[in-house]
Amino acid sequence: MVFEMKKAILFLLISQTFFIQTMFAQEAAESKTDKGERHEFVIANFKTESGVVLPQARVVYGTYGKLNAAKDNVVLLPSHYMANFHGYEWLIGADKALDASKLFLVATELFGNGNSSSPSNTPEPFHGPRFPVTTIRDNVEAVHRLLTEELKITHLRAVIGFSMGAQQAFQWAVSYPAFADKIVATSGTAKTYGHGIVRLESEITAITTDPVFANGEYKEQPKKGIEAFAIVWTAWLFSQEWWRKEMWREGAKPGTTFESFVNELKTNFIPGADANNLILQMRTWEKHDVGTTPGFGGDVQKALGSIKAPFLYMPSETDLYFPVTDAKYEASFMKTVTLMPIPSLWGHPAGAAADPADAKFLNENIGKFLSANK
């Protein structure tokens, strides 16, 4: 079922679907250095921004390479929507921006992805719909504790994030302005603006209106609701020109039609996904706003102006989730920013190397940015 077109798409859906399957299939051919090792960090009595205290908050993460004696070769890779820690392997390799034979890479998984603490794997009284809505700052705080308490790391060479990972990169830059030497954000903004919230609400509604959902107390996954969510999500995934040019045909197996391509995304978008997990991470996405960081009074412009680290901001020119106009607006308040739009028709996935040309552009420019003097 997996054909080359899917591989490209799923570089974006890394966070979501077939990409993860593809990466596991490729692991046997990869070096141990580049495939990562899985770990888990547990925080007792973790207090979320909502005020809810989780008796145990688990953060799953992967590591690539080795931590040097000085502990100054660390790059953080925070995950994106429904992703596992393998989601940045398009950046990792001797011929790519991040050489794990020289760097120590820490790839963390967001709350709600089904591995880290999530509605689906947390016992009562916080199981399912009772799991608290966690914010991007909650995730950053948990990872800060992981780095400083478990790994004894007090400084990062860089934070690099795509999509919800980019949201975390912005939050790191604001919450911990001196913790990382450099920040990279692809296909993601410092705040979720009104249009993004409306989009996410449409996708949440698609799930919750399925009668099987039963206010989150379902006995089986609301299949029809999840399929409706997937087709709404897909409508925003790529650019309109990508669809007009039928770029889905690139690398597709013989016999693939528009109908079969779309149906595959509809019915197999995020295999095995739990509805409450899907919704939790969308709520996290909606609430993202660096302006609400303590000390900034809800002023996103002031928060952006506080960023001290050199910042490579790489929006996709055709992203419908995080429009390039929002990135240009935010960049105007940033003192250390290099704004470098990704010239791609692949929409949102361009920021995760959905296409070989995008992969080349990202690896070359992120590599140059990281190697340049401050």
Protein backbone atom coordinates (compact mmCIF):
# COMPACT_ATOMS: atom_id res chain seq x y z
CA MET A 1 0.00 0.00 0.00
CA VAL A 2 2.85 2.36 0.64
CA PHE A 3 4.06 4.00 -2.55
CA GLU A 4 6.50 6.79 -3.19
CA MET A 5 3.89 9.52 -3.17
CA LYS A 6 2.88 8.56 0.33
CA LYS A 7 6.47 8.75 1.46
CA ALA A 8 6.59 12.33 0.35
CA ILE A 9 3.28 13.30 1.87
CA LEU A 10 3.97 11.62 5.03
CA PHE A 11 7.13 13.51 5.60
CA LEU A 12 4.53 15.96 6.65
CA LEU A 13 2.25 13.48 8.18
CA ILE A 14 5.26 12.34 10.02
CA SER A 15 3.20 13.55 12.78
CA GLN A 16 0.35 11.70 11.44
CA THR A 17 0.42 8.56 9.41
CA PHE A 18 2.18 6.48 6.80
CA PHE A 19 5.51 8.22 7.34
CA ILE A 20 5.89 6.55 10.71
CA GLN A 21 5.23 3.17 9.15
CA THR A 22 7.73 3.91 6.38
CA MET A 23 10.40 4.97 8.85
CA PHE A 24 10.04 1.76 10.83
CA ALA A 25 10.31 -0.24 7.60
CA GLN A 26 13.55 1.57 6.81
CA GLU A 27 15.12 1.16 10.24
CA ALA A 28 16.93 -2.04 9.35
CA ALA A 29 18.83 -0.18 6.65
CA GLU A 30 19.70 2.80 8.83
CA SER A 31 22.70 3.13 11.08
CA LYS A 32 22.18 2.84 14.80
CA THR A 33 23.27 6.44 15.16
CA ASP A 34 20.53 7.73 12.89
CA LYS A 35 17.52 5.72 14.05
CA GLY A 36 17.38 6.83 17.66
CA GLU A 37 16.82 5.20 21.03
CA ARG A 38 13.53 5.46 22.94
CA HIS A 39 13.37 6.72 26.53
CA GLU A 40 10.73 7.85 29.00
CA PHE A 41 10.84 10.55 31.67
CA VAL A 42 8.26 10.61 34.47
CA ILE A 43 7.37 13.73 36.45
CA ALA A 44 5.52 13.29 39.74
CA ASN A 45 2.67 15.69 40.52
CA PHE A 46 3.03 17.77 37.36
CA LYS A 47 0.92 20.93 37.61
CA THR A 48 -0.52 22.06 34.30
CA GLU A 49 -1.35 25.65 33.42
CA SER A 50 -5.01 24.80 33.88
CA GLY A 51 -4.28 24.07 37.54
CA VAL A 52 -4.87 20.33 37.22
CA VAL A 53 -2.14 18.21 38.78
CA LEU A 54 -1.28 14.94 37.02
CA PRO A 55 0.04 12.39 39.56
CA GLN A 56 2.41 11.17 36.86
CA ALA A 57 3.25 12.99 33.64
CA ARG A 58 5.22 10.91 31.16
CA VAL A 59 7.37 12.36 28.38
CA VAL A 60 8.54 9.89 25.77
CA TYR A 61 11.63 10.95 23.86
CA GLY A 62 14.28 9.62 21.53
CA THR A 63 17.99 10.32 21.43
CA TYR A 64 20.43 10.21 18.53
CA GLY A 65 24.20 10.31 18.89
CA LYS A 66 26.13 10.80 22.12
CA LEU A 67 26.29 13.59 24.66
CA ASN A 68 29.83 14.92 24.82
CA ALA A 69 31.71 15.56 28.05
CA ALA A 70 31.05 19.30 27.92
CA LYS A 71 27.34 18.69 27.22
CA ASP A 72 27.44 21.42 24.60
CA ASN A 73 26.48 19.42 21.49
CA VAL A 74 22.73 19.14 22.17
CA VAL A 75 19.93 19.97 19.73
CA LEU A 76 16.29 19.70 20.80
CA LEU A 77 13.66 18.51 18.30
CA PRO A 78 10.15 18.93 19.77
CA SER A 79 7.46 16.93 18.01
CA HIS A 80 4.45 18.02 16.03
CA TYR A 81 0.83 16.88 15.74
CA MET A 82 0.45 13.20 16.72
CA ALA A 83 4.11 12.52 15.88
CA ASN A 84 6.53 10.17 17.55
CA PHE A 85 10.20 10.98 18.03
CA HIS A 86 11.14 9.71 14.56
CA GLY A 87 9.54 12.77 12.97
CA TYR A 88 12.77 14.66 12.22
CA GLU A 89 14.80 11.97 10.52
CA TRP A 90 14.66 13.98 7.29
CA LEU A 91 17.15 16.31 9.04
CA ILE A 92 19.41 13.63 10.52
CA GLY A 93 22.42 12.11 8.76
CA ALA A 94 26.03 12.70 7.85
CA ASP A 95 24.93 14.45 4.65
CA LYS A 96 22.14 16.44 6.31
CA ALA A 97 21.84 19.40 8.65
CA LEU A 98 22.17 17.31 11.82
CA ASP A 99 25.05 14.84 11.93
CA ALA A 100 24.36 12.49 14.86
CA SER A 101 27.99 11.37 14.87
CA LYS A 102 28.82 14.86 16.16
CA LEU A 103 25.62 16.01 17.86
CA PHE A 104 23.37 14.72 20.61
CA LEU A 105 19.79 15.05 19.41
CA VAL A 106 16.84 14.91 21.80
CA ALA A 107 13.48 14.41 20.07
CA THR A 108 10.51 14.75 22.42
CA GLU A 109 6.87 13.70 22.02
CA LEU A 110 3.99 16.04 22.85
CA PHE A 111 1.43 15.22 25.51
CA GLY A 112 -1.57 13.64 23.81
CA ASN A 113 0.17 11.63 21.10
CA GLY A 114 -0.68 8.31 22.73
CA ASN A 115 2.84 7.63 24.01
CA SER A 116 3.56 10.58 26.28
CA SER A 117 0.78 11.21 28.81
CA SER A 118 -2.48 11.29 26.87
CA PRO A 119 -6.22 10.92 27.35
CA SER A 120 -5.95 7.33 26.10
CA ASN A 121 -3.20 6.12 28.47
CA THR A 122 -3.82 8.07 31.69
CA PRO A 123 -5.80 6.33 34.45
CA GLU A 124 -8.78 7.86 36.21
CA PRO A 125 -9.58 10.42 37.31
CA PHE A 126 -7.95 11.88 34.18
CA HIS A 127 -8.74 9.25 31.58
CA GLY A 128 -10.34 10.11 28.23
CA PRO A 129 -12.28 13.39 28.17
CA ARG A 130 -11.18 14.19 31.74
CA PHE A 131 -7.54 14.64 30.74
CA PRO A 132 -6.64 18.34 31.21
CA VAL A 133 -6.00 20.52 28.18
CA THR A 134 -2.24 20.89 28.11
CA THR A 135 -0.63 23.96 26.57
CA ILE A 136 2.51 24.40 24.54
CA ARG A 137 4.04 25.94 27.68
CA ASP A 138 3.11 22.81 29.66
CA ASN A 139 5.03 20.76 27.11
CA VAL A 140 8.02 23.11 27.17
CA GLU A 141 8.12 23.06 30.97
CA ALA A 142 8.02 19.26 31.03
CA VAL A 143 10.86 19.04 28.51
CA HIS A 144 12.87 21.66 30.39
CA ARG A 145 12.66 19.39 33.43
CA LEU A 146 13.61 16.39 31.32
CA LEU A 147 16.72 18.17 30.05
CA THR A 148 17.85 19.71 33.33
CA GLU A 149 16.82 17.00 35.82
CA GLU A 150 17.30 13.74 33.93
CA LEU A 151 19.94 14.56 31.32
CA LYS A 152 21.67 17.34 33.34
CA ILE A 153 21.69 19.58 30.27
CA THR A 154 21.59 23.31 30.97
CA HIS A 155 22.16 24.68 27.49
CA LEU A 156 21.22 23.79 23.91
CA ARG A 157 23.02 24.39 20.68
CA ALA A 158 19.63 24.79 19.00
CA VAL A 159 15.91 24.13 19.12
CA ILE A 160 14.44 23.10 15.76
CA GLY A 161 10.71 22.57 15.31
CA PHE A 162 8.13 21.95 12.59
CA SER A 163 4.43 22.89 12.97
CA MET A 164 3.51 22.30 16.64
CA GLY A 165 7.25 21.79 17.08
CA ALA A 166 7.70 25.32 15.73
CA GLN A 167 5.18 26.53 18.29
CA GLN A 168 7.37 24.97 20.97
CA ALA A 169 10.49 26.53 19.43
CA PHE A 170 8.88 29.98 19.74
CA GLN A 171 7.90 29.26 23.34
CA TRP A 172 11.43 28.15 24.21
CA ALA A 173 12.75 31.40 22.72
CA VAL A 174 10.39 33.44 24.91
CA SER A 175 10.30 31.39 28.13
CA TYR A 176 14.02 30.58 28.17
CA PRO A 177 15.70 33.27 26.06
CA ALA A 178 19.27 32.22 26.91
CA PHE A 179 18.81 28.45 26.98
CA ALA A 180 19.52 27.85 23.26
CA ASP A 181 22.13 29.39 21.01
CA LYS A 182 19.82 29.32 17.99
CA ILE A 183 16.17 28.66 17.12
CA VAL A 184 14.64 27.29 13.92
CA ALA A 185 10.90 27.24 13.23
CA THR A 186 9.38 25.75 10.06
CA SER A 187 5.68 25.92 9.11
CA GLY A 188 4.53 27.29 12.46
CA THR A 189 3.84 30.60 14.18
CA ALA A 190 4.18 32.19 17.61
CA LYS A 191 0.42 32.31 18.08
CA THR A 192 -2.63 30.50 16.74
CA TYR A 193 -4.73 33.27 15.24
CA GLY A 194 -8.50 33.28 14.80
CA HIS A 195 -8.59 31.60 11.42
CA GLY A 196 -6.49 28.72 12.69
CA ILE A 197 -8.79 28.24 15.67
CA VAL A 198 -11.83 28.13 13.37
CA ARG A 199 -10.13 25.48 11.22
CA LEU A 200 -9.28 23.36 14.23
CA GLU A 201 -12.80 23.73 15.60
CA SER A 202 -14.19 22.43 12.31
CA GLU A 203 -12.03 19.33 12.65
CA ILE A 204 -12.97 18.82 16.29
CA THR A 205 -16.64 19.18 15.36
CA ALA A 206 -16.24 16.52 12.69
CA ILE A 207 -15.24 14.05 15.40
CA THR A 208 -17.63 15.08 18.15
CA THR A 209 -20.79 15.03 16.02
CA ASP A 210 -20.40 11.30 15.42
CA PRO A 211 -22.97 9.74 17.85
CA VAL A 212 -20.43 7.03 18.70
CA PHE A 213 -18.19 9.72 20.23
CA ALA A 214 -20.62 10.01 23.16
CA ASN A 215 -18.97 13.10 24.66
CA GLY A 216 -15.65 11.30 24.74
CA GLU A 217 -16.98 8.25 26.61
CA TYR A 218 -17.00 6.02 23.52
CA LYS A 219 -16.74 2.22 23.78
CA GLU A 220 -15.16 2.03 20.32
CA GLN A 221 -13.45 4.65 18.19
CA PRO A 222 -15.90 6.96 16.37
CA LYS A 223 -14.79 5.80 12.92
CA LYS A 224 -17.08 8.03 10.88
CA GLY A 225 -16.13 11.08 12.93
CA ILE A 226 -12.43 10.39 12.55
CA GLU A 227 -12.85 9.93 8.79
CA ALA A 228 -14.71 13.26 8.62
CA PHE A 229 -11.89 14.87 10.62
CA ALA A 230 -9.32 13.41 8.22
CA ILE A 231 -11.00 14.73 5.08
CA VAL A 232 -11.38 18.22 6.58
CA TRP A 233 -7.71 18.13 7.63
CA THR A 234 -6.67 17.01 4.13
CA ALA A 235 -8.48 19.95 2.55
CA TRP A 236 -6.06 22.31 4.32
CA LEU A 237 -2.96 20.19 4.01
CA PHE A 238 -1.64 21.11 0.56
CA SER A 239 -1.88 24.25 -1.54
CA GLN A 240 -4.67 24.82 -4.02
CA GLU A 241 -2.12 24.86 -6.82
CA TRP A 242 -0.75 21.51 -5.63
CA TRP A 243 -4.22 20.06 -6.18
CA ARG A 244 -4.76 21.88 -9.51
CA LYS A 245 -1.49 20.52 -10.86
CA GLU A 246 -2.40 17.05 -9.58
CA MET A 247 0.92 16.74 -7.83
CA TRP A 248 -0.45 13.75 -5.95
CA ARG A 249 0.36 11.78 -9.12
CA GLU A 250 4.11 12.15 -8.54
CA GLY A 251 5.43 8.72 -7.71
CA ALA A 252 1.96 7.21 -7.36
CA LYS A 253 1.64 3.52 -8.15
CA PRO A 254 -0.05 2.57 -11.44
CA GLY A 255 -3.83 2.77 -11.30
CA THR A 256 -4.02 5.41 -8.59
CA THR A 257 -6.90 7.79 -9.17
CA PHE A 258 -7.86 11.04 -7.48
CA GLU A 259 -10.70 9.19 -5.77
CA SER A 260 -8.50 6.37 -4.47
CA PHE A 261 -5.82 8.79 -3.32
CA VAL A 262 -8.28 10.92 -1.33
CA ASN A 263 -10.07 7.87 0.05
CA GLU A 264 -6.80 6.47 1.35
CA LEU A 265 -6.15 9.70 3.24
CA LYS A 266 -9.71 9.69 4.55
CA THR A 267 -9.71 6.11 5.83
CA ASN A 268 -6.06 5.62 6.81
CA PHE A 269 -4.90 9.09 7.81
CA ILE A 270 -3.56 8.31 11.29
CA PRO A 271 -3.84 4.57 11.77
CA GLY A 272 -4.89 3.60 15.28
CA ALA A 273 -5.48 7.18 16.44
CA ASP A 274 -7.64 7.77 19.50
CA ALA A 275 -10.33 10.45 19.13
CA ASN A 276 -9.71 12.07 22.53
CA ASN A 277 -5.99 12.25 21.76
CA LEU A 278 -6.68 13.92 18.41
CA ILE A 279 -8.87 16.51 20.11
CA LEU A 280 -6.48 17.12 23.00
CA GLN A 281 -3.62 18.06 20.69
CA MET A 282 -5.90 20.31 18.64
CA ARG A 283 -6.88 22.11 21.87
CA THR A 284 -3.17 22.48 22.67
CA TRP A 285 -2.65 23.95 19.19
CA GLU A 286 -5.56 26.38 19.63
CA LYS A 287 -4.28 27.77 22.92
CA HIS A 288 -0.79 28.53 21.66
CA ASP A 289 0.15 32.18 22.21
CA VAL A 290 3.59 33.34 23.37
CA GLY A 291 1.96 36.63 24.38
CA THR A 292 0.25 34.89 27.31
CA THR A 293 3.62 33.88 28.75
CA PRO A 294 3.85 35.35 32.28
CA GLY A 295 5.31 38.83 32.13
CA PHE A 296 3.94 39.83 28.71
CA GLY A 297 0.30 40.53 29.55
CA GLY A 298 -1.08 38.86 26.46
CA ASP A 299 1.03 41.03 24.13
CA VAL A 300 2.41 38.78 21.39
CA GLN A 301 4.36 41.66 19.86
CA LYS A 302 6.16 42.33 23.14
CA ALA A 303 6.92 38.63 23.57
CA LEU A 304 8.34 38.39 20.05
CA GLY A 305 10.47 41.46 20.69
CA SER A 306 11.98 39.77 23.74
CA ILE A 307 13.56 36.95 21.73
CA LYS A 308 17.35 37.14 21.99
CA ALA A 309 18.63 34.07 20.14
CA PRO A 310 19.31 34.17 16.40
CA PHE A 311 16.08 32.87 14.86
CA LEU A 312 15.64 31.21 11.44
CA TYR A 313 11.96 31.52 10.56
CA MET A 314 10.95 29.31 7.62
CA PRO A 315 7.25 29.47 6.75
CA SER A 316 5.97 27.62 3.70
CA GLU A 317 4.95 30.08 0.99
CA THR A 318 1.75 28.08 0.43
CA ASP A 319 0.85 26.97 3.97
CA LEU A 320 -2.88 27.19 4.69
CA TYR A 321 -2.43 26.35 8.39
CA PHE A 322 0.17 29.01 9.13
CA PRO A 323 -0.02 31.56 6.29
CA VAL A 324 3.19 33.26 5.23
CA THR A 325 1.48 36.62 5.90
CA ASP A 326 1.24 35.70 9.60
CA ALA A 327 4.95 34.88 9.60
CA LYS A 328 5.81 38.20 7.98
CA TYR A 329 3.68 40.00 10.57
CA GLU A 330 5.45 38.25 13.45
CA ALA A 331 8.92 38.68 11.97
CA SER A 332 8.42 42.45 11.93
CA PHE A 333 8.59 42.46 15.75
CA MET A 334 11.61 40.16 16.05
CA LYS A 335 15.08 41.68 16.42
CA THR A 336 17.16 38.59 15.64
CA VAL A 337 15.09 36.96 12.89
CA THR A 338 16.06 35.72 9.46
CA LEU A 339 12.81 35.21 7.56
CA MET A 340 13.27 32.61 4.82
CA PRO A 341 10.03 31.35 3.21
CA ILE A 342 10.18 27.86 1.70
CA PRO A 343 9.48 28.11 -2.08
CA SER A 344 7.11 25.16 -2.39
CA LEU A 345 3.64 24.20 -3.62
CA TRP A 346 3.39 21.49 -0.97
CA GLY A 347 1.63 23.71 1.54
CA HIS A 348 2.07 22.89 5.21
CA PRO A 349 4.16 19.71 4.68
CA ALA A 350 6.88 21.73 2.97
CA GLY A 351 8.22 22.51 6.44
CA ALA A 352 8.86 18.80 7.01
CA ALA A 353 10.56 18.07 3.70
CA ALA A 354 7.52 16.60 1.94
CA ASP A 355 9.24 16.93 -1.43
CA PRO A 356 12.91 16.29 -2.31
CA ALA A 357 13.33 19.93 -3.30
CA ASP A 358 11.96 21.01 0.10
CA ALA A 359 14.29 18.57 1.86
CA LYS A 360 17.29 20.03 0.02
CA PHE A 361 16.24 23.61 0.76
CA LEU A 362 15.66 22.92 4.46
CA ASN A 363 18.79 20.88 5.07
CA GLU A 364 21.08 23.29 3.24
CA ASN A 365 19.75 26.43 4.90
CA ILE A 366 19.30 25.02 8.39
CA GLY A 367 22.82 23.56 8.15
CA LYS A 368 24.27 26.94 7.12
CA PHE A 369 22.38 28.73 9.88
CA LEU A 370 23.61 26.33 12.58
CA SER A 371 27.22 26.45 11.41
CA ALA A 372 27.39 30.24 11.06
CA ASN A 373 28.92 32.38 13.77
CA LYS A 374 26.45 33.93 16.17
